[in-house]
């Protein structure tokens, strides 16, 4: 996945949680004769291949064949990994003490889909694992094939995107844990820290069948964590670069949040169609035109300020209901989690414990409590 997409969303590292209890699931599906066997088989085979490619950081650092530009990145990631446990109360375990060169642009490719008149993502449900709003593949061609099927057979709007990292939720730490990957190791310093903090957060709290809660929590951890990293560990140059990087991201997020709200209002018209309230799809097209016009204006501002940037162009060109539905997963509940962190006096262990308490409550109750924190 290109840096530009990471800049757009902060960390699009969707939790590829199909690996949770994967071996158990595969056995169960085989016994049941389930058609999902081949999907789980590719998931397990793909992950085992990734794990096989991983080697301890010391091996890479002592190997004369290791590229010169990779060494400082591995050393930086090692510092971030230690910081995550010591300062952010994130797990001190086997994860991110190894590195794998995947020799491809993404760890996995995920597929998300939504109807033409809704931002609600299609979900896939699996035994033992629960339901998620995406489906991941190690083979990009397979992901795109599913995307084509969803468009042609179900009439859905589809997003197929590369994912630079995923979490196995700590279930496979006995195998060496989640490794650092070539797909993100060369990200700018702040973005590399965000990636590591985000994925480790999934090992602290994870709730079945609530992707928005999980991803918003991990996104809050990455944002708060990187702020602390930059303040205490980074150089002035790194802080300056990240500030410029993040300013663009915030502006683009504000634009997409505005657009998402306008789309949701357009789709609320559906029940009123019989009363002649107008076509929600026509309203949707108008919203998308305004979105692209506003983006063009945003680019003009960046250019006028001497910081031209076109990294969001492809996302904007391909944006659809699936794209905006995915965005909601990552930022809908983040303000509530940030307020919860502040309520606990910025104490990381207390924050994680409070999130765990929320996770034990029914979905609607925990979301209500997060939103109440903002009043």
Protein backbone atom coordinates (compact mmCIF):
# COMPACT_ATOMS: atom_id res chain seq x y z
CA UNK A 1 0.00 0.00 0.00
CA UNK A 2 1.33 3.40 -0.92
CA UNK A 3 2.28 5.91 1.76
CA UNK A 4 -0.40 8.19 0.37
CA UNK A 5 -3.18 5.85 1.44
CA UNK A 6 -1.70 5.54 4.90
CA UNK A 7 -1.58 9.33 5.06
CA UNK A 8 -5.25 9.43 4.20
CA UNK A 9 -6.43 7.22 7.02
CA UNK A 10 -3.63 7.19 9.55
CA UNK A 11 -3.38 3.42 9.59
CA UNK A 12 -5.47 1.28 7.32
CA UNK A 13 -4.15 -1.85 8.92
CA UNK A 14 -7.39 -3.77 9.14
CA UNK A 15 -7.22 -6.63 11.59
CA UNK A 16 -7.11 -9.71 9.46
CA UNK A 17 -8.76 -11.64 12.28
CA UNK A 18 -9.54 -14.69 10.19
CA UNK A 19 -6.38 -16.09 11.77
CA UNK A 20 -7.95 -16.11 15.20
CA UNK A 21 -8.27 -19.77 16.07
CA UNK A 22 -7.62 -20.44 12.37
CA UNK A 23 -6.50 -24.04 12.71
CA UNK A 24 -9.54 -24.88 14.83
CA UNK A 25 -11.80 -23.21 12.29
CA UNK A 26 -10.30 -25.09 9.36
CA UNK A 27 -10.82 -28.43 11.07
CA UNK A 28 -14.41 -27.53 11.92
CA UNK A 29 -15.15 -26.46 8.36
CA UNK A 30 -13.65 -29.60 6.89
CA UNK A 31 -15.81 -31.73 9.17
CA UNK A 32 -18.85 -29.68 8.17
CA UNK A 33 -18.05 -29.74 4.48
CA UNK A 34 -18.20 -25.95 4.44
CA UNK A 35 -17.50 -24.06 1.20
CA UNK A 36 -15.25 -21.62 3.13
CA UNK A 37 -12.53 -24.26 3.51
CA UNK A 38 -10.54 -22.94 0.56
CA UNK A 39 -10.71 -19.39 1.92
CA UNK A 40 -9.40 -20.39 5.32
CA UNK A 41 -6.79 -22.61 3.69
CA UNK A 42 -5.35 -19.67 1.72
CA UNK A 43 -5.40 -17.56 4.89
CA UNK A 44 -3.46 -20.13 6.88
CA UNK A 45 -1.04 -20.92 4.07
CA UNK A 46 -0.43 -17.24 3.40
CA UNK A 47 0.25 -16.43 7.02
CA UNK A 48 2.56 -19.40 7.49
CA UNK A 49 4.52 -18.23 4.45
CA UNK A 50 4.82 -14.78 6.00
CA UNK A 51 5.99 -16.23 9.31
CA UNK A 52 8.53 -18.42 7.51
CA UNK A 53 10.05 -15.30 5.90
CA UNK A 54 10.54 -13.60 9.29
CA UNK A 55 13.92 -13.60 11.05
CA UNK A 56 15.00 -12.04 14.38
CA UNK A 57 16.13 -8.42 14.15
CA UNK A 58 19.61 -9.35 15.39
CA UNK A 59 20.00 -11.72 12.44
CA UNK A 60 19.16 -8.97 9.98
CA UNK A 61 21.40 -6.44 11.71
CA UNK A 62 24.38 -8.81 11.76
CA UNK A 63 23.89 -10.05 8.21
CA UNK A 64 26.34 -8.33 5.77
CA UNK A 65 23.75 -8.76 3.01
CA UNK A 66 21.17 -6.58 4.79
CA UNK A 67 20.66 -3.36 2.78
CA UNK A 68 22.37 -0.37 4.37
CA UNK A 69 19.19 1.71 4.36
CA UNK A 70 17.25 -1.05 6.14
CA UNK A 71 19.48 -1.22 9.21
CA UNK A 72 18.53 2.16 10.74
CA UNK A 73 14.86 1.46 10.09
CA UNK A 74 15.05 -1.83 11.99
CA UNK A 75 16.88 -0.14 14.85
CA UNK A 76 14.27 2.63 14.93
CA UNK A 77 11.45 0.07 14.96
CA UNK A 78 13.14 -1.75 17.83
CA UNK A 79 13.19 1.49 19.84
CA UNK A 80 9.52 2.06 19.07
CA UNK A 81 8.68 -1.47 20.15
CA UNK A 82 10.39 -0.97 23.52
CA UNK A 83 8.71 2.44 23.91
CA UNK A 84 5.29 0.91 23.26
CA UNK A 85 5.61 -1.42 26.24
CA UNK A 86 7.46 0.91 28.58
CA UNK A 87 5.47 4.10 27.95
CA UNK A 88 2.11 3.08 26.45
CA UNK A 89 1.42 -0.06 28.51
CA UNK A 90 1.17 -2.12 25.32
CA UNK A 91 2.06 -5.84 25.47
CA UNK A 92 5.67 -6.87 25.99
CA UNK A 93 5.69 -10.10 23.99
CA UNK A 94 7.15 -11.72 20.88
CA UNK A 95 5.50 -9.42 18.34
CA UNK A 96 7.64 -7.02 16.29
CA UNK A 97 10.98 -8.47 17.30
CA UNK A 98 11.38 -10.09 13.87
CA UNK A 99 11.34 -8.77 10.31
CA UNK A 100 10.15 -10.24 7.01
CA UNK A 101 10.84 -9.03 3.48
CA UNK A 102 7.64 -9.98 1.63
CA UNK A 103 8.85 -8.74 -1.76
CA UNK A 104 5.38 -7.41 -2.55
CA UNK A 105 3.53 -4.16 -2.00
CA UNK A 106 1.05 -5.34 0.65
CA UNK A 107 0.73 -7.96 3.35
CA UNK A 108 -2.80 -8.80 2.20
CA UNK A 109 -5.45 -7.33 -0.06
CA UNK A 110 -8.87 -6.70 1.44
CA UNK A 111 -12.26 -6.35 -0.17
CA UNK A 112 -15.07 -4.22 1.22
CA UNK A 113 -18.48 -3.59 -0.35
CA UNK A 114 -21.61 -1.54 0.24
CA UNK A 115 -24.95 -0.99 -1.56
CA UNK A 116 -25.32 1.94 -3.95
CA UNK A 117 -27.69 3.63 -1.49
CA UNK A 118 -26.00 2.96 1.85
CA UNK A 119 -22.69 3.29 3.70
CA UNK A 120 -23.33 0.07 5.65
CA UNK A 121 -20.67 -2.45 4.70
CA UNK A 122 -21.46 -5.99 3.65
CA UNK A 123 -20.30 -8.42 6.33
CA UNK A 124 -18.90 -11.92 6.19
CA UNK A 125 -19.37 -14.25 9.14
CA UNK A 126 -17.24 -17.26 10.05
CA UNK A 127 -17.44 -19.97 12.72
CA UNK A 128 -15.54 -19.07 15.92
CA UNK A 129 -14.34 -15.79 14.42
CA UNK A 130 -17.48 -13.69 14.10
CA UNK A 131 -18.47 -11.13 11.46
CA UNK A 132 -16.28 -8.54 9.76
CA UNK A 133 -16.89 -5.88 7.11
CA UNK A 134 -14.16 -7.03 4.75
CA UNK A 135 -12.53 -10.15 3.38
CA UNK A 136 -8.75 -10.53 3.02
CA UNK A 137 -6.57 -12.39 0.51
CA UNK A 138 -2.86 -12.93 0.12
CA UNK A 139 -3.29 -13.04 -3.65
CA UNK A 140 -4.30 -9.68 -5.12
CA UNK A 141 -5.89 -11.38 -8.14
CA UNK A 142 -8.23 -13.36 -5.86
CA UNK A 143 -9.26 -10.19 -4.06
CA UNK A 144 -10.04 -8.43 -7.31
CA UNK A 145 -11.94 -11.45 -8.57
CA UNK A 146 -14.20 -11.29 -5.52
CA UNK A 147 -14.61 -7.56 -6.07
CA UNK A 148 -15.76 -8.17 -9.63
CA UNK A 149 -18.25 -10.80 -8.46
CA UNK A 150 -19.73 -8.46 -5.86
CA UNK A 151 -20.18 -5.74 -8.49
CA UNK A 152 -21.65 -7.96 -11.17
CA UNK A 153 -23.73 -10.40 -9.13
CA UNK A 154 -24.86 -8.26 -6.19
CA UNK A 155 -24.66 -4.77 -7.66
CA UNK A 156 -22.47 -3.51 -4.83
CA UNK A 157 -19.92 -0.72 -4.80
CA UNK A 158 -16.52 -2.22 -4.01
CA UNK A 159 -13.16 -1.14 -2.62
CA UNK A 160 -10.14 -3.42 -3.08
CA UNK A 161 -7.05 -2.18 -1.27
CA UNK A 162 -3.66 -3.32 -0.10
CA UNK A 163 -3.12 -3.66 3.66
CA UNK A 164 0.45 -3.12 4.90
CA UNK A 165 0.02 -4.99 8.20
CA UNK A 166 -2.45 -6.96 10.25
CA UNK A 167 -2.70 -8.30 13.78
CA UNK A 168 -3.15 -11.91 14.83
CA UNK A 169 -4.40 -10.55 18.17
CA UNK A 170 -1.59 -12.21 20.11
CA UNK A 171 -2.90 -15.69 19.37
CA UNK A 172 0.26 -16.65 17.50
CA UNK A 173 2.91 -15.19 19.79
CA UNK A 174 3.97 -18.78 20.49
CA UNK A 175 5.01 -18.93 16.81
CA UNK A 176 7.11 -15.78 17.05
CA UNK A 177 4.40 -13.14 17.01
CA UNK A 178 3.56 -10.60 14.34
CA UNK A 179 6.70 -9.48 12.50
CA UNK A 180 7.76 -6.10 11.18
CA UNK A 181 7.22 -6.12 7.41
CA UNK A 182 8.86 -4.65 4.34
CA UNK A 183 5.44 -3.24 3.42
CA UNK A 184 5.72 -0.51 6.08
CA UNK A 185 9.25 -0.50 7.54
CA UNK A 186 10.31 2.51 5.42
CA UNK A 187 7.34 4.71 6.34
CA UNK A 188 8.19 8.15 7.78
CA UNK A 189 9.05 7.98 11.46
CA UNK A 190 5.68 9.11 12.78
CA UNK A 191 3.78 6.76 10.50
CA UNK A 192 5.96 3.81 11.43
CA UNK A 193 5.26 4.47 15.10
CA UNK A 194 1.53 4.72 14.42
CA UNK A 195 1.56 1.36 12.64
CA UNK A 196 3.32 -0.47 15.47
CA UNK A 197 1.21 1.11 18.21
CA UNK A 198 -2.04 0.45 16.32
CA UNK A 199 -1.37 -3.23 15.77
CA UNK A 200 -0.19 -3.82 19.34
CA UNK A 201 -3.39 -2.20 20.63
CA UNK A 202 -5.39 -4.99 19.01
CA UNK A 203 -3.61 -7.42 21.34
CA UNK A 204 -4.85 -5.52 24.40
CA UNK A 205 -8.59 -5.30 23.67
CA UNK A 206 -10.50 -6.95 20.84
CA UNK A 207 -14.25 -7.52 20.68
CA UNK A 208 -15.86 -10.03 18.34
CA UNK A 209 -18.35 -8.56 15.86
CA UNK A 210 -17.56 -4.88 16.57
CA UNK A 211 -14.98 -3.75 14.02
CA UNK A 212 -15.72 -0.07 14.61
CA UNK A 213 -14.99 -0.33 18.35
CA UNK A 214 -11.77 -2.27 17.73
CA UNK A 215 -10.41 -0.02 15.01
CA UNK A 216 -11.41 3.26 16.65
CA UNK A 217 -9.69 2.16 19.87
CA UNK A 218 -6.52 1.18 18.01
CA UNK A 219 -6.61 4.44 16.05
CA UNK A 220 -6.90 6.42 19.29
CA UNK A 221 -3.91 4.51 20.68
CA UNK A 222 -1.83 5.25 17.61
CA UNK A 223 -2.69 8.97 17.61
CA UNK A 224 -2.08 9.45 21.31
CA UNK A 225 0.96 7.21 21.27
CA UNK A 226 2.67 8.92 18.37
CA UNK A 227 2.11 12.32 20.00
CA UNK A 228 4.05 11.08 23.02
CA UNK A 229 6.75 9.49 20.88
CA UNK A 230 7.30 12.68 18.92
CA UNK A 231 7.37 14.80 22.07
CA UNK A 232 9.91 12.65 23.93
CA UNK A 233 11.87 10.56 21.41
CA UNK A 234 11.89 12.16 17.98
CA UNK A 235 14.19 14.80 16.55
CA UNK A 236 13.01 18.31 15.75
CA UNK A 237 13.21 17.46 12.04
CA UNK A 238 10.98 14.40 12.53
CA UNK A 239 8.46 16.46 14.48
CA UNK A 240 8.43 19.13 11.81
CA UNK A 241 8.01 16.61 8.99
CA UNK A 242 5.21 14.84 10.82
CA UNK A 243 3.39 18.10 11.54
CA UNK A 244 3.31 18.95 7.83
CA UNK A 245 2.31 15.38 7.01
CA UNK A 246 -0.47 15.38 9.58
CA UNK A 247 -1.85 18.79 8.65
CA UNK A 248 -2.71 17.49 5.19
CA UNK A 249 -4.23 14.36 6.65
CA UNK A 250 -6.45 16.33 9.04
CA UNK A 251 -7.67 18.57 6.23
CA UNK A 252 -8.48 15.61 4.04
CA UNK A 253 -10.19 13.77 6.89
CA UNK A 254 -12.34 16.82 7.60
CA UNK A 255 -13.38 16.87 3.95
CA UNK A 256 -14.26 13.19 3.88
CA UNK A 257 -16.10 13.42 7.19
CA UNK A 258 -18.20 16.27 5.79
CA UNK A 259 -18.91 14.24 2.67
CA UNK A 260 -19.84 11.16 4.66
CA UNK A 261 -22.37 13.16 6.63
CA UNK A 262 -23.90 14.52 3.42
CA UNK A 263 -24.14 11.02 1.96
CA UNK A 264 -25.85 9.71 5.08
CA UNK A 265 -28.44 12.49 4.83
CA UNK A 266 -29.00 11.70 1.15
CA UNK A 267 -29.64 8.06 1.93
CA UNK A 268 -32.09 8.93 4.72
CA UNK A 269 -34.49 9.98 1.97
CA UNK A 270 -35.19 6.40 0.93
CA UNK A 271 -38.26 5.88 3.16
CA UNK A 272 -39.76 9.10 1.81
CA UNK A 273 -39.55 8.18 -1.86
CA UNK A 274 -43.19 7.20 -2.00
CA UNK A 275 -44.05 10.72 -0.86
CA UNK A 276 -42.08 12.27 -3.72
CA UNK A 277 -39.07 13.35 -1.68
CA UNK A 278 -36.67 12.87 -4.57
CA UNK A 279 -34.15 10.26 -5.63
CA UNK A 280 -31.39 9.61 -3.05
CA UNK A 281 -29.04 8.41 -5.77
CA UNK A 282 -29.35 11.72 -7.57
CA UNK A 283 -28.56 13.48 -4.30
CA UNK A 284 -25.63 11.13 -3.83
CA UNK A 285 -24.19 12.06 -7.23
CA UNK A 286 -24.45 15.73 -6.30
CA UNK A 287 -22.62 15.07 -3.03
CA UNK A 288 -19.82 13.27 -4.83
CA UNK A 289 -19.44 16.10 -7.33
CA UNK A 290 -19.13 18.60 -4.47
CA UNK A 291 -16.61 16.31 -2.76
CA UNK A 292 -14.34 16.26 -5.80
CA UNK A 293 -14.70 20.02 -6.32
CA UNK A 294 -13.75 20.66 -2.69
CA UNK A 295 -10.79 18.35 -3.01
CA UNK A 296 -9.59 20.29 -6.05
CA UNK A 297 -9.83 23.47 -3.97
CA UNK A 298 -7.89 21.83 -1.15
CA UNK A 299 -5.12 20.90 -3.55
CA UNK A 300 -4.99 24.48 -4.78
CA UNK A 301 -4.48 25.67 -1.19
CA UNK A 302 -1.60 23.23 -0.72
CA UNK A 303 -0.02 24.38 -3.94
CA UNK A 304 -0.44 28.06 -3.01
CA UNK A 305 1.24 27.32 0.33
CA UNK A 306 4.20 25.79 -1.46
CA UNK A 307 3.38 22.21 -0.38
CA UNK A 308 1.73 20.63 -3.44
CA UNK A 309 0.51 17.09 -2.89
CA UNK A 310 -1.40 14.65 -5.09
CA UNK A 311 -1.25 11.53 -2.96
CA UNK A 312 -5.01 11.41 -2.40
CA UNK A 313 -5.89 11.68 -6.08
CA UNK A 314 -6.44 7.98 -6.67
CA UNK A 315 -8.57 7.56 -3.55
CA UNK A 316 -10.75 10.51 -4.54
CA UNK A 317 -11.09 9.22 -8.09
CA UNK A 318 -12.22 5.77 -6.90
CA UNK A 319 -14.22 6.89 -3.84
CA UNK A 320 -17.58 5.20 -3.38
CA UNK A 321 -19.88 4.01 -0.59
CA UNK A 322 -17.49 1.21 0.38
CA UNK A 323 -14.64 3.72 0.74
CA UNK A 324 -16.65 6.02 2.99
CA UNK A 325 -18.07 3.09 4.93
CA UNK A 326 -14.54 1.91 5.69
CA UNK A 327 -13.54 5.35 6.89
CA UNK A 328 -16.29 5.28 9.51
CA UNK A 329 -14.77 2.15 11.02
CA UNK A 330 -11.56 3.98 11.82
CA UNK A 331 -12.66 7.34 13.16
CA UNK A 332 -16.31 7.21 14.26
CA UNK A 333 -15.55 6.48 17.94
CA UNK A 334 -12.04 7.92 18.21
CA UNK A 335 -13.09 11.17 19.95
CA UNK A 336 -14.80 9.13 22.66
CA UNK A 337 -11.70 7.05 23.27
CA UNK A 338 -9.56 10.18 23.41
CA UNK A 339 -11.95 11.65 25.99
CA UNK A 340 -11.72 8.42 27.99
CA UNK A 341 -7.93 8.71 27.96
CA UNK A 342 -8.13 12.29 29.23
CA UNK A 343 -10.66 11.29 31.89
CA UNK A 344 -8.10 8.83 33.24
CA UNK A 345 -5.47 11.55 33.55
CA UNK A 346 -3.43 10.23 30.63
CA UNK A 347 -2.56 7.04 32.51
CA UNK A 348 -2.13 4.36 29.85
CA UNK A 349 -2.74 1.30 32.03
CA UNK A 350 -5.88 2.90 33.44
CA UNK A 351 -7.04 3.76 29.91
CA UNK A 352 -6.62 0.21 28.60
CA UNK A 353 -8.46 -1.15 31.66
CA UNK A 354 -11.34 1.27 31.07
CA UNK A 355 -11.56 0.16 27.43
CA UNK A 356 -11.64 -3.48 28.54
CA UNK A 357 -14.54 -2.65 30.86
CA UNK A 358 -16.41 -1.07 27.97
CA UNK A 359 -15.69 -4.09 25.78
CA UNK A 360 -17.46 -6.34 28.27
CA UNK A 361 -20.72 -4.40 27.83
CA UNK A 362 -23.32 -4.78 25.05
CA UNK A 363 -22.39 -3.06 21.79
CA UNK A 364 -24.94 -0.27 21.93
CA UNK A 365 -24.20 0.43 25.60
CA UNK A 366 -20.44 0.81 25.08
CA UNK A 367 -21.00 3.08 22.08
CA UNK A 368 -23.47 5.20 24.04
CA UNK A 369 -20.99 5.63 26.88
CA UNK A 370 -18.23 6.70 24.49
CA UNK A 371 -20.49 9.30 22.91
CA UNK A 372 -21.67 10.52 26.32
CA UNK A 373 -18.07 11.40 27.16
CA UNK A 374 -18.18 14.11 24.49
CA UNK A 375 -21.14 15.99 26.01
